[in-house]
């Protein structure tokens, strides 16, 4: 049995109006935590207050993951060695999956502390599930380059790899650059390549459609400032 404290990886809803996606057992795990390491303290406090109405926010300690990572890691490890139960919270979705937290989780493993991932929404998995594309062979490649020449080069490489391996390529973009990304994909990829756009996942305005590149060109959606995931497969 570990002599150290435990770590809970606490999922956050993707849409503020869809709290039901968080299972009740997450609340019970939150109640065990006295310290939170978070991506954004303000939004994390608001999330926990909505999740657990009775929480007394100021009775907990708060640390921001991105601030001086080496120092935060040292504090994190010391807290675990003192037997503290810690929660890690990202801005949305699951910590450590396209969100910060993995450095702290790695540190917990290094000293032998118990790590507990909790069930919650992951935009990556939800988009893949709904895409109708290969769910056995896929890769999440994160954000594509912003510079246009590099972006086109990467998209071509991803499409070629997808065709060669029958692999689904999953990627993301900053919401205010969604439309530019879609435009580049439609101009770069072959007409028969399938492209899934999944926006506002779990929300009231959820939009998920998979079409060929040629079909998308007939009517291009406006996703400016909407959180979205993209899947691509060339067959």
Protein backbone atom coordinates (compact mmCIF):
# COMPACT_ATOMS: atom_id res chain seq x y z
CA UNK A 1 0.00 0.00 0.00
CA UNK A 2 1.34 3.46 -0.94
CA UNK A 3 2.42 5.70 1.91
CA UNK A 4 1.74 8.73 -0.27
CA UNK A 5 -1.39 10.69 -1.06
CA UNK A 6 -3.53 9.94 -4.10
CA UNK A 7 -4.17 11.82 -7.33
CA UNK A 8 -7.59 12.16 -8.95
CA UNK A 9 -7.81 13.22 -12.60
CA UNK A 10 -11.07 15.14 -12.61
CA UNK A 11 -12.94 15.54 -15.94
CA UNK A 12 -14.73 18.78 -16.79
CA UNK A 13 -17.80 19.13 -18.99
CA UNK A 14 -17.23 20.42 -22.52
CA UNK A 15 -20.33 22.61 -22.40
CA UNK A 16 -21.41 24.57 -19.32
CA UNK A 17 -25.05 23.71 -20.00
CA UNK A 18 -24.43 19.95 -20.07
CA UNK A 19 -23.41 19.02 -16.50
CA UNK A 20 -25.08 15.60 -16.72
CA UNK A 21 -22.06 14.23 -18.61
CA UNK A 22 -20.13 14.10 -15.32
CA UNK A 23 -20.94 10.91 -13.33
CA UNK A 24 -21.92 11.21 -9.68
CA UNK A 25 -18.85 9.29 -8.54
CA UNK A 26 -16.70 12.19 -9.70
CA UNK A 27 -18.34 14.34 -7.03
CA UNK A 28 -17.47 11.77 -4.37
CA UNK A 29 -13.85 11.82 -5.53
CA UNK A 30 -13.74 15.62 -5.48
CA UNK A 31 -14.82 15.55 -1.84
CA UNK A 32 -11.67 13.59 -0.98
CA UNK A 33 -9.36 16.28 -2.37
CA UNK A 34 -7.96 19.08 -0.26
CA UNK A 35 -5.59 20.46 -2.90
CA UNK A 36 -6.23 21.20 -6.58
CA UNK A 37 -3.73 21.71 -9.38
CA UNK A 38 -5.63 23.37 -12.22
CA UNK A 39 -5.17 24.83 -15.68
CA UNK A 40 -7.31 27.88 -14.86
CA UNK A 41 -8.17 28.59 -11.24
CA UNK A 42 -11.16 30.83 -11.93
CA UNK A 43 -12.95 28.37 -14.22
CA UNK A 44 -11.98 25.40 -12.01
CA UNK A 45 -13.50 27.08 -8.96
CA UNK A 46 -16.68 27.79 -10.91
CA UNK A 47 -16.81 24.21 -12.18
CA UNK A 48 -16.44 22.70 -8.69
CA UNK A 49 -19.03 25.05 -7.23
CA UNK A 50 -21.52 23.97 -9.90
CA UNK A 51 -20.59 20.31 -9.46
CA UNK A 52 -20.72 20.29 -5.64
CA UNK A 53 -22.91 23.11 -4.32
CA UNK A 54 -21.78 22.70 -0.71
CA UNK A 55 -18.06 23.02 -1.36
CA UNK A 56 -16.28 25.72 0.63
CA UNK A 57 -13.84 26.88 -2.01
CA UNK A 58 -11.47 28.72 0.30
CA UNK A 59 -10.92 25.64 2.46
CA UNK A 60 -8.91 24.13 -0.40
CA UNK A 61 -5.47 24.97 -1.71
CA UNK A 62 -5.07 26.00 -5.34
CA UNK A 63 -2.09 25.83 -7.67
CA UNK A 64 -1.98 26.77 -11.35
CA UNK A 65 -0.25 24.14 -13.49
CA UNK A 66 1.30 26.47 -16.06
CA UNK A 67 3.00 28.78 -13.57
CA UNK A 68 6.69 27.86 -13.11
CA UNK A 69 6.19 24.15 -13.87
CA UNK A 70 9.34 22.99 -12.05
CA UNK A 71 8.23 24.74 -8.87
CA UNK A 72 4.67 23.42 -9.18
CA UNK A 73 5.99 19.89 -9.69
CA UNK A 74 8.07 20.16 -6.50
CA UNK A 75 5.07 21.41 -4.51
CA UNK A 76 2.94 18.63 -5.99
CA UNK A 77 5.41 15.89 -5.02
CA UNK A 78 5.85 17.31 -1.53
CA UNK A 79 2.09 17.38 -1.01
CA UNK A 80 1.83 13.74 -2.05
CA UNK A 81 4.66 12.78 0.31
CA UNK A 82 2.68 14.42 3.11
CA UNK A 83 -0.25 12.10 2.34
CA UNK A 84 -2.40 14.77 0.65
CA UNK A 85 -5.15 13.81 -1.78
CA UNK A 86 -4.86 15.98 -4.89
CA UNK A 87 -7.22 16.72 -7.77
CA UNK A 88 -6.00 17.77 -11.22
CA UNK A 89 -8.43 19.77 -13.37
CA UNK A 90 -8.00 21.06 -16.93
CA UNK A 91 -10.06 23.74 -18.66
CA UNK A 92 -12.38 21.23 -20.35
CA UNK A 93 -12.48 17.50 -20.94
CA UNK A 94 -9.95 15.15 -19.36
CA UNK A 95 -6.67 16.34 -17.80
CA UNK A 96 -3.58 15.04 -19.53
CA UNK A 97 -5.40 14.48 -22.85
CA UNK A 98 -4.55 17.47 -25.06
CA UNK A 99 -4.54 19.44 -21.81
CA UNK A 100 -1.92 20.02 -19.12
CA UNK A 101 -1.44 17.66 -16.22
CA UNK A 102 0.74 14.91 -17.65
CA UNK A 103 3.92 16.30 -16.03
CA UNK A 104 2.31 16.04 -12.60
CA UNK A 105 0.91 12.58 -13.30
CA UNK A 106 4.36 11.42 -14.38
CA UNK A 107 5.79 12.81 -11.13
CA UNK A 108 3.19 10.87 -9.14
CA UNK A 109 4.24 7.65 -10.84
CA UNK A 110 7.90 8.37 -10.18
CA UNK A 111 7.34 8.27 -6.42
CA UNK A 112 4.79 5.44 -6.53
CA UNK A 113 1.67 7.44 -5.67
CA UNK A 114 -1.73 6.09 -6.76
CA UNK A 115 -3.28 7.78 -9.81
CA UNK A 116 -7.05 7.60 -10.37
CA UNK A 117 -8.44 8.60 -13.80
CA UNK A 118 -12.14 9.43 -13.61
CA UNK A 119 -14.72 8.93 -16.34
CA UNK A 120 -15.77 12.05 -18.21
CA UNK A 121 -16.14 13.58 -21.68
CA UNK A 122 -13.18 13.63 -24.07
CA UNK A 123 -13.78 15.62 -27.26
CA UNK A 124 -11.21 13.47 -29.05
CA UNK A 125 -12.97 10.19 -28.30
CA UNK A 126 -16.47 11.60 -28.83
CA UNK A 127 -15.53 12.94 -32.26
CA UNK A 128 -13.92 9.64 -33.26
CA UNK A 129 -16.93 7.67 -32.02
CA UNK A 130 -19.32 9.79 -34.07
CA UNK A 131 -17.19 10.08 -37.20
CA UNK A 132 -17.90 6.64 -38.69
CA UNK A 133 -14.16 6.31 -39.32
CA UNK A 134 -11.64 3.69 -38.26
CA UNK A 135 -11.66 3.46 -34.46
CA UNK A 136 -9.08 0.67 -34.33
CA UNK A 137 -6.27 2.56 -36.00
CA UNK A 138 -6.16 6.29 -35.32
CA UNK A 139 -3.87 9.00 -34.05
CA UNK A 140 -4.46 12.35 -32.42
CA UNK A 141 -1.98 14.86 -33.82
CA UNK A 142 -3.08 17.89 -31.81
CA UNK A 143 -2.85 21.37 -33.34
CA UNK A 144 -1.63 21.74 -36.90
CA UNK A 145 0.95 24.43 -37.77
CA UNK A 146 -0.41 27.96 -38.09
CA UNK A 147 1.93 28.96 -40.93
CA UNK A 148 0.09 28.11 -44.16
CA UNK A 149 2.90 26.42 -46.09
CA UNK A 150 3.70 24.15 -43.16
CA UNK A 151 0.02 23.49 -42.55
CA UNK A 152 -0.57 22.35 -46.14
CA UNK A 153 2.52 20.13 -45.96
CA UNK A 154 1.32 18.44 -42.76
CA UNK A 155 -2.23 17.95 -44.05
CA UNK A 156 -0.88 16.26 -47.19
CA UNK A 157 1.34 14.02 -45.05
CA UNK A 158 -1.55 13.09 -42.76
CA UNK A 159 -3.78 12.26 -45.74
CA UNK A 160 -1.06 10.12 -47.32
CA UNK A 161 -0.40 8.27 -44.05
CA UNK A 162 -4.13 7.75 -43.55
CA UNK A 163 -4.47 6.13 -46.97
CA UNK A 164 -1.38 3.98 -46.50
CA UNK A 165 -2.35 2.70 -43.04
CA UNK A 166 -6.16 3.10 -43.19
CA UNK A 167 -5.70 5.30 -40.13
CA UNK A 168 -8.04 8.02 -38.88
CA UNK A 169 -6.28 11.34 -38.28
CA UNK A 170 -7.76 13.42 -35.47
CA UNK A 171 -6.78 17.05 -34.90
CA UNK A 172 -7.91 20.28 -33.31
CA UNK A 173 -7.69 24.02 -33.88
CA UNK A 174 -8.07 27.17 -31.82
CA UNK A 175 -11.78 28.05 -32.24
CA UNK A 176 -11.18 31.43 -33.88
CA UNK A 177 -9.11 29.72 -36.62
CA UNK A 178 -11.57 26.90 -37.38
CA UNK A 179 -12.82 28.38 -40.64
CA UNK A 180 -9.30 28.90 -41.99
CA UNK A 181 -8.40 25.30 -41.13
CA UNK A 182 -11.50 23.92 -42.86
CA UNK A 183 -10.77 26.02 -45.94
CA UNK A 184 -7.20 24.70 -46.11
CA UNK A 185 -8.29 21.06 -45.67
CA UNK A 186 -10.87 21.40 -48.44
CA UNK A 187 -8.33 22.95 -50.81
CA UNK A 188 -5.57 20.45 -49.97
CA UNK A 189 -7.17 17.02 -49.71
CA UNK A 190 -8.43 14.71 -52.45
CA UNK A 191 -12.13 14.87 -53.27
CA UNK A 192 -12.87 11.34 -52.03
CA UNK A 193 -11.19 11.77 -48.64
CA UNK A 194 -13.74 11.74 -45.82
CA UNK A 195 -13.68 14.63 -43.37
CA UNK A 196 -15.62 14.82 -40.09
CA UNK A 197 -16.38 18.10 -38.35
CA UNK A 198 -17.58 17.77 -34.75
CA UNK A 199 -18.41 21.02 -32.98
CA UNK A 200 -20.04 21.99 -29.66
CA UNK A 201 -19.86 18.37 -28.52
CA UNK A 202 -22.43 17.42 -25.81
CA UNK A 203 -23.99 20.91 -26.12
CA UNK A 204 -27.41 22.00 -27.34
CA UNK A 205 -25.90 23.21 -30.64
CA UNK A 206 -23.92 20.01 -31.24
CA UNK A 207 -22.89 19.64 -34.89
CA UNK A 208 -21.37 16.38 -36.17
CA UNK A 209 -21.18 15.55 -39.86
CA UNK A 210 -18.92 13.35 -41.99
CA UNK A 211 -18.74 13.99 -45.73
CA UNK A 212 -16.26 13.68 -48.54
CA UNK A 213 -14.15 16.71 -49.36
CA UNK A 214 -16.19 17.22 -52.54
CA UNK A 215 -19.46 17.11 -50.60
CA UNK A 216 -18.19 19.63 -48.03
CA UNK A 217 -17.32 22.08 -50.79
CA UNK A 218 -21.01 22.37 -51.67
CA UNK A 219 -21.78 23.98 -48.32
CA UNK A 220 -19.09 24.98 -45.84
CA UNK A 221 -20.22 25.50 -42.21
CA UNK A 222 -19.28 28.59 -40.22
CA UNK A 223 -17.55 27.38 -37.04
CA UNK A 224 -15.90 30.64 -36.00
CA UNK A 225 -15.18 30.58 -32.24
CA UNK A 226 -16.92 27.21 -31.76
CA UNK A 227 -14.95 24.42 -30.03
CA UNK A 228 -14.44 21.70 -32.62
CA UNK A 229 -12.60 18.48 -33.43
CA UNK A 230 -11.69 17.25 -36.89
CA UNK A 231 -11.25 13.69 -38.22
CA UNK A 232 -9.92 12.70 -41.61
CA UNK A 233 -9.54 9.39 -43.41
CA UNK A 234 -8.37 8.72 -46.96
CA UNK A 235 -9.59 5.48 -48.54
